[in-house]
């Protein structure tokens, strides 16, 4: 099923998972808003390639978050899909409680939880009136660290667990006009994870699929979730079966 006529905003879409999803949606006929906090030149180039538009915004700043939705709607007069992909993370050993300072918690929660909430709230009036058969859709990219006691840090894992639960609460609150789902990937080969040797070894040796995911793997699932007309309130693990071990 195609996306002809629809408009999607994909946050954090100049590289990795976000770029793969943006490219897949554009290939399927959707008009895409590319977003990043930095990498403006990369974002403009990708938007040109996809016949889309680019908006730069810092998701840690509420005014810029709301402006991102306003400019996305202004570009084509509608918004049908919101993919909350952007997030931040940095490694902190789970037993190093002093390193996970309140400031670290605030920064991570601001981008990984509060920004997706604010984006969804601002987008909801537009998503509710989407004429697509699939209706308005929100897709949150979370993490298997929000499901299992894993992750690069406790604040990061907690932010993703909160976003998973928020996904379910929003699905109940916004249905039937808007569907809300989440994909919770395990390790994905992106520029951010290139140096994560221990995680790469874990997926090669312990997961049934014997590898990390690629951004294309996530984009494949995203397409299925966004085109399904009935699916809502689900958090779908995509970790190559590592959760089975």
Protein backbone atom coordinates (compact mmCIF):
# COMPACT_ATOMS: atom_id res chain seq x y z
CA UNK A 1 0.00 0.00 0.00
CA UNK A 2 1.41 3.37 -0.95
CA UNK A 3 1.44 6.72 0.79
CA UNK A 4 0.34 8.88 -2.12
CA UNK A 5 -0.71 12.36 -1.06
CA UNK A 6 0.40 12.08 2.54
CA UNK A 7 2.88 14.25 4.43
CA UNK A 8 5.29 12.87 7.03
CA UNK A 9 7.63 14.53 9.51
CA UNK A 10 10.55 12.31 10.52
CA UNK A 11 12.64 13.76 13.33
CA UNK A 12 16.35 13.08 13.38
CA UNK A 13 16.28 12.08 9.74
CA UNK A 14 19.67 13.10 8.33
CA UNK A 15 21.34 9.77 9.14
CA UNK A 16 20.77 6.27 10.46
CA UNK A 17 17.26 5.04 11.17
CA UNK A 18 15.60 8.38 10.51
CA UNK A 19 17.18 8.78 7.09
CA UNK A 20 16.20 5.23 6.12
CA UNK A 21 12.58 5.82 7.15
CA UNK A 22 12.42 9.18 5.37
CA UNK A 23 13.81 7.68 2.16
CA UNK A 24 11.41 4.74 2.31
CA UNK A 25 8.36 6.96 2.84
CA UNK A 26 9.41 9.24 -0.02
CA UNK A 27 9.94 6.23 -2.30
CA UNK A 28 6.41 5.10 -1.42
CA UNK A 29 4.92 8.42 -2.51
CA UNK A 30 4.84 10.42 0.70
CA UNK A 31 6.07 14.01 0.96
CA UNK A 32 8.65 14.18 3.71
CA UNK A 33 9.85 16.83 6.14
CA UNK A 34 13.49 16.13 7.01
CA UNK A 35 14.68 17.33 10.40
CA UNK A 36 17.88 17.59 12.41
CA UNK A 37 19.35 19.66 15.22
CA UNK A 38 22.64 20.15 13.37
CA UNK A 39 23.87 18.91 9.95
CA UNK A 40 21.90 21.58 8.12
CA UNK A 41 23.73 21.06 4.82
CA UNK A 42 23.14 17.31 4.97
CA UNK A 43 19.48 17.89 5.75
CA UNK A 44 19.00 20.31 2.87
CA UNK A 45 20.71 17.90 0.47
CA UNK A 46 18.55 14.96 1.57
CA UNK A 47 15.38 17.05 1.35
CA UNK A 48 16.27 18.05 -2.23
CA UNK A 49 16.92 14.42 -3.11
CA UNK A 50 13.53 13.40 -1.73
CA UNK A 51 11.64 16.40 -3.15
CA UNK A 52 10.87 17.28 0.44
CA UNK A 53 11.64 20.14 2.80
CA UNK A 54 14.11 20.52 5.63
CA UNK A 55 13.50 22.13 9.02
CA UNK A 56 16.22 22.60 11.61
CA UNK A 57 15.17 22.52 15.26
CA UNK A 58 16.59 21.75 18.67
CA UNK A 59 14.14 19.37 20.34
CA UNK A 60 15.41 20.40 23.76
CA UNK A 61 13.74 23.79 23.19
CA UNK A 62 9.92 23.80 23.38
CA UNK A 63 9.50 26.82 21.12
CA UNK A 64 11.57 25.13 18.42
CA UNK A 65 9.60 21.89 18.84
CA UNK A 66 6.32 23.69 18.23
CA UNK A 67 7.83 25.63 15.34
CA UNK A 68 8.88 22.35 13.74
CA UNK A 69 5.25 21.20 13.58
CA UNK A 70 4.05 24.60 12.36
CA UNK A 71 6.60 24.73 9.55
CA UNK A 72 5.89 21.12 8.56
CA UNK A 73 2.19 21.92 8.16
CA UNK A 74 2.95 25.20 6.43
CA UNK A 75 5.02 23.40 3.79
CA UNK A 76 2.09 21.41 2.35
CA UNK A 77 -0.97 22.40 4.34
CA UNK A 78 -1.34 19.09 6.16
CA UNK A 79 0.41 16.50 8.30
CA UNK A 80 -0.51 12.82 8.22
CA UNK A 81 2.41 10.98 9.83
CA UNK A 82 4.74 11.88 12.68
CA UNK A 83 7.79 9.68 13.25
CA UNK A 84 9.45 10.51 16.56
CA UNK A 85 12.89 9.12 15.83
CA UNK A 86 15.30 11.72 17.22
CA UNK A 87 16.92 10.87 20.52
CA UNK A 88 20.08 11.28 22.54
CA UNK A 89 22.20 8.82 24.47
CA UNK A 90 25.64 8.51 25.98
CA UNK A 91 27.13 5.56 27.85
CA UNK A 92 27.08 5.60 31.64
CA UNK A 93 27.72 2.34 33.53
CA UNK A 94 24.54 1.40 35.36
CA UNK A 95 26.34 1.13 38.69
CA UNK A 96 27.89 4.60 38.38
CA UNK A 97 25.07 6.42 40.09
CA UNK A 98 27.03 9.62 40.59
CA UNK A 99 27.61 10.01 36.84
CA UNK A 100 23.87 9.89 36.11
CA UNK A 101 23.32 13.35 37.50
CA UNK A 102 19.98 15.15 37.60
CA UNK A 103 21.22 17.29 34.70
CA UNK A 104 21.87 14.15 32.62
CA UNK A 105 18.36 12.93 33.44
CA UNK A 106 16.86 16.28 32.45
CA UNK A 107 18.69 16.44 29.13
CA UNK A 108 17.80 12.89 28.13
CA UNK A 109 14.17 13.11 29.22
CA UNK A 110 13.74 16.48 27.49
CA UNK A 111 14.69 15.08 24.08
CA UNK A 112 13.66 11.43 24.37
CA UNK A 113 10.31 11.83 26.13
CA UNK A 114 9.08 15.39 26.48
CA UNK A 115 9.84 16.39 22.88
CA UNK A 116 7.90 13.42 21.37
CA UNK A 117 5.01 14.28 23.68
CA UNK A 118 5.05 17.94 22.66
CA UNK A 119 5.38 17.09 18.98
CA UNK A 120 2.45 14.67 19.19
CA UNK A 121 0.27 17.15 21.07
CA UNK A 122 1.02 19.89 18.54
CA UNK A 123 0.50 17.54 15.59
CA UNK A 124 -2.69 15.93 16.88
CA UNK A 125 -5.19 18.45 15.43
CA UNK A 126 -3.69 17.89 11.98
CA UNK A 127 -3.36 14.13 12.33
CA UNK A 128 -7.00 13.83 13.41
CA UNK A 129 -8.23 15.15 10.07
CA UNK A 130 -5.92 13.10 7.85
CA UNK A 131 -7.93 11.73 4.89
CA UNK A 132 -5.63 8.71 4.43
CA UNK A 133 -7.25 5.26 4.77
CA UNK A 134 -4.58 4.56 7.39
CA UNK A 135 -5.65 7.74 9.23
CA UNK A 136 -3.22 9.96 11.08
CA UNK A 137 -0.30 8.03 12.52
CA UNK A 138 2.38 8.52 15.15
CA UNK A 139 5.33 6.14 15.21
CA UNK A 140 7.76 6.36 18.12
CA UNK A 141 11.22 4.84 17.72
CA UNK A 142 12.09 3.63 21.20
CA UNK A 143 14.51 0.86 22.22
CA UNK A 144 14.65 -2.67 23.55
CA UNK A 145 16.33 -0.97 26.53
CA UNK A 146 12.87 0.35 27.39
CA UNK A 147 11.57 -3.21 27.64
CA UNK A 148 14.50 -5.06 29.21
CA UNK A 149 16.92 -3.87 31.93
CA UNK A 150 19.58 -2.94 29.39
CA UNK A 151 20.80 0.17 27.63
CA UNK A 152 23.62 2.67 27.45
CA UNK A 153 22.57 4.25 30.74
CA UNK A 154 19.75 4.06 33.28
CA UNK A 155 18.38 7.51 32.31
CA UNK A 156 18.34 6.48 28.64
CA UNK A 157 16.58 3.18 29.34
CA UNK A 158 14.05 4.89 31.60
CA UNK A 159 13.29 7.50 28.94
CA UNK A 160 12.54 4.78 26.40
CA UNK A 161 10.43 2.79 28.87
CA UNK A 162 8.41 5.93 29.53
CA UNK A 163 7.99 6.54 25.80
CA UNK A 164 6.79 2.96 25.33
CA UNK A 165 4.09 3.46 27.97
CA UNK A 166 3.22 6.89 26.60
CA UNK A 167 2.69 5.23 23.21
CA UNK A 168 -0.03 3.03 24.68
CA UNK A 169 -1.66 5.87 26.59
CA UNK A 170 -1.74 8.08 23.48
CA UNK A 171 -3.18 5.28 21.36
CA UNK A 172 -6.07 4.97 23.81
CA UNK A 173 -6.53 8.75 24.00
CA UNK A 174 -6.33 9.58 20.28
CA UNK A 175 -8.13 6.64 18.66
CA UNK A 176 -9.86 6.06 16.38
CA UNK A 177 -8.76 9.14 14.42
CA UNK A 178 -5.04 8.70 15.16
CA UNK A 179 -3.07 5.48 15.53
CA UNK A 180 0.01 5.46 17.77
CA UNK A 181 2.61 2.68 17.79
CA UNK A 182 6.27 2.18 18.63
CA UNK A 183 9.18 0.17 17.29
CA UNK A 184 11.72 -0.86 19.92
CA UNK A 185 14.93 -1.82 18.09
CA UNK A 186 17.90 -3.50 19.66
CA UNK A 187 21.33 -2.65 18.31
CA UNK A 188 21.18 -0.94 14.91
CA UNK A 189 24.24 -0.31 12.75
CA UNK A 190 24.36 3.49 12.64
CA UNK A 191 27.15 6.07 12.94
CA UNK A 192 26.34 6.38 16.66
CA UNK A 193 26.87 2.65 17.35
CA UNK A 194 29.99 2.02 15.26
CA UNK A 195 32.26 2.02 18.30
CA UNK A 196 30.05 -0.17 20.48
CA UNK A 197 32.26 -3.27 20.22
CA UNK A 198 30.74 -5.13 23.18
CA UNK A 199 27.21 -4.67 21.87
CA UNK A 200 28.21 -5.74 18.37
CA UNK A 201 29.78 -8.90 19.79
CA UNK A 202 26.66 -9.62 21.86
CA UNK A 203 24.40 -9.47 18.82
CA UNK A 204 26.78 -11.57 16.70
CA UNK A 205 27.00 -14.31 19.29
CA UNK A 206 23.74 -14.28 21.26
CA UNK A 207 20.92 -13.14 19.01
CA UNK A 208 19.22 -15.79 16.84
CA UNK A 209 19.79 -13.60 13.75
CA UNK A 210 23.54 -13.31 14.60
CA UNK A 211 23.77 -9.63 13.65
CA UNK A 212 22.64 -6.15 14.52
CA UNK A 213 19.78 -4.61 12.60
CA UNK A 214 20.33 -2.24 9.71
CA UNK A 215 18.43 1.03 9.33
CA UNK A 216 16.66 -0.60 6.38
CA UNK A 217 15.34 -3.33 8.69
CA UNK A 218 13.71 -0.67 10.84
CA UNK A 219 12.37 1.19 7.82
CA UNK A 220 10.79 -2.01 6.50
CA UNK A 221 8.88 -2.48 9.74
CA UNK A 222 7.99 1.20 9.93
CA UNK A 223 6.33 0.99 6.53
CA UNK A 224 4.25 -1.99 7.65
CA UNK A 225 3.19 -0.29 10.87
CA UNK A 226 2.26 2.97 9.17
CA UNK A 227 0.20 1.32 6.43
CA UNK A 228 -1.73 -1.08 8.65
CA UNK A 229 -5.17 0.42 9.15
CA UNK A 230 -5.95 -1.39 12.41
CA UNK A 231 -2.74 -1.59 14.43
CA UNK A 232 -2.49 0.78 17.39
CA UNK A 233 -1.03 0.84 20.88
CA UNK A 234 1.68 -1.69 20.09
CA UNK A 235 5.37 -1.64 21.02
CA UNK A 236 7.08 -3.98 18.56
CA UNK A 237 10.47 -5.38 19.52
CA UNK A 238 12.97 -5.53 16.65
CA UNK A 239 16.12 -7.00 18.18
CA UNK A 240 16.85 -10.07 16.06
CA UNK A 241 15.43 -12.26 18.79
CA UNK A 242 17.95 -11.26 21.46
CA UNK A 243 15.07 -10.98 23.92
CA UNK A 244 14.66 -14.76 23.62
CA UNK A 245 18.09 -15.45 25.08
